[in-house]
Amino acid sequence: MEVSTPTRKDHTFDLYSPVYHHDSGVCLDFWYHMYGAHIGELIVFSVDENKQNPALIWSLQGSYAAFIVEIDV
C-alpha cells in the first residue's frame, strides 16, 4: 500500500490472509518502508476466524529507516 502524500489523517488499511493456526509454524513475512516527517504506525494483529478478538503481534511507530526493511513475525 502506498501512503505517500497526499493522504488523509488517520488513514488505515486492513489486509486479511487465510486462516492459519498458531501451531502450524506459519509466519508472516513482509517488507516495509517507514521514513519521513509524518510517519504513522504499522501494526500487525492476529484475529480469529470471525475477524474478532485482535491480539497485538508486532508494531512500529514513526520514522524508522531510509531503506526498505524485511520482517518476519
Protein backbone atom coordinates (compact mmCIF):
# COMPACT_ATOMS: atom_id res chain seq x y z
CA MET A 1 0.00 0.00 0.00
CA GLU A 2 1.41 3.37 -0.97
CA VAL A 3 0.57 6.10 1.52
CA SER A 4 2.82 8.95 0.43
CA THR A 5 1.45 12.48 0.44
CA PRO A 6 -1.27 13.33 -0.30
CA THR A 7 -3.20 11.12 2.09
CA ARG A 8 -5.68 11.81 4.84
CA LYS A 9 -5.03 11.83 8.58
CA ASP A 10 -5.80 8.51 10.33
CA HIS A 11 -5.79 6.61 7.02
CA THR A 12 -5.95 2.87 7.75
CA PHE A 13 -5.59 -0.26 5.66
CA ASP A 14 -6.66 -3.79 6.63
CA LEU A 15 -5.15 -6.83 4.97
CA TYR A 16 -6.51 -10.28 5.80
CA SER A 17 -4.90 -13.62 4.99
CA PRO A 18 -6.38 -17.12 5.01
CA VAL A 19 -6.79 -18.60 8.49
CA TYR A 20 -3.63 -20.21 9.88
CA HIS A 21 -3.47 -21.79 13.30
CA HIS A 22 -0.60 -20.79 15.60
CA ASP A 23 0.69 -24.36 15.82
CA SER A 24 1.07 -24.62 12.03
CA GLY A 25 4.52 -22.98 12.03
CA VAL A 26 3.40 -20.34 9.51
CA CYS A 27 4.83 -16.84 9.86
CA LEU A 28 4.06 -13.51 8.25
CA ASP A 29 6.86 -12.14 6.09
CA PHE A 30 6.62 -8.64 4.63
CA TRP A 31 8.67 -5.60 3.60
CA TYR A 32 8.06 -2.06 4.77
CA HIS A 33 9.48 1.43 4.36
CA MET A 34 8.72 3.93 7.12
CA TYR A 35 10.78 7.06 6.68
CA GLY A 36 9.80 10.71 6.75
CA ALA A 37 8.37 13.52 8.82
CA HIS A 38 4.77 12.34 9.12
CA ILE A 39 5.02 8.57 9.51
CA GLY A 40 2.24 6.93 11.48
CA GLU A 41 2.21 3.41 12.87
CA LEU A 42 2.36 -0.07 11.37
CA ILE A 43 0.55 -2.66 13.49
CA VAL A 44 0.17 -6.42 12.99
CA PHE A 45 -2.73 -8.12 14.76
CA SER A 46 -3.83 -11.72 14.84
CA VAL A 47 -7.60 -12.25 14.79
CA ASP A 48 -9.84 -15.30 14.92
CA GLU A 49 -11.81 -16.83 12.03
CA ASN A 50 -14.57 -14.23 12.53
CA LYS A 51 -12.09 -11.32 12.40
CA GLN A 52 -12.67 -10.75 16.13
CA ASN A 53 -10.52 -10.75 19.29
CA PRO A 54 -7.46 -8.91 17.96
CA ALA A 55 -4.13 -9.74 19.60
CA LEU A 56 -1.15 -7.45 19.03
CA ILE A 57 1.71 -9.34 17.34
CA TRP A 58 4.08 -6.54 16.29
CA SER A 59 4.12 -2.75 15.89
CA LEU A 60 6.41 0.10 14.87
CA GLN A 61 5.74 3.83 15.09
CA GLY A 62 7.34 6.85 13.47
CA SER A 63 10.24 7.28 11.09
CA TYR A 64 12.48 4.23 11.18
CA ALA A 65 14.90 3.79 8.29
CA ALA A 66 15.62 5.36 4.91
CA PHE A 67 15.60 1.92 3.28
CA ILE A 68 13.19 -0.99 2.81
CA VAL A 69 13.19 -3.48 5.69
CA GLU A 70 12.06 -7.12 5.76
CA ILE A 71 10.36 -8.51 8.85
CA ASP A 72 9.18 -11.99 9.85
CA VAL A 73 6.58 -12.25 12.61
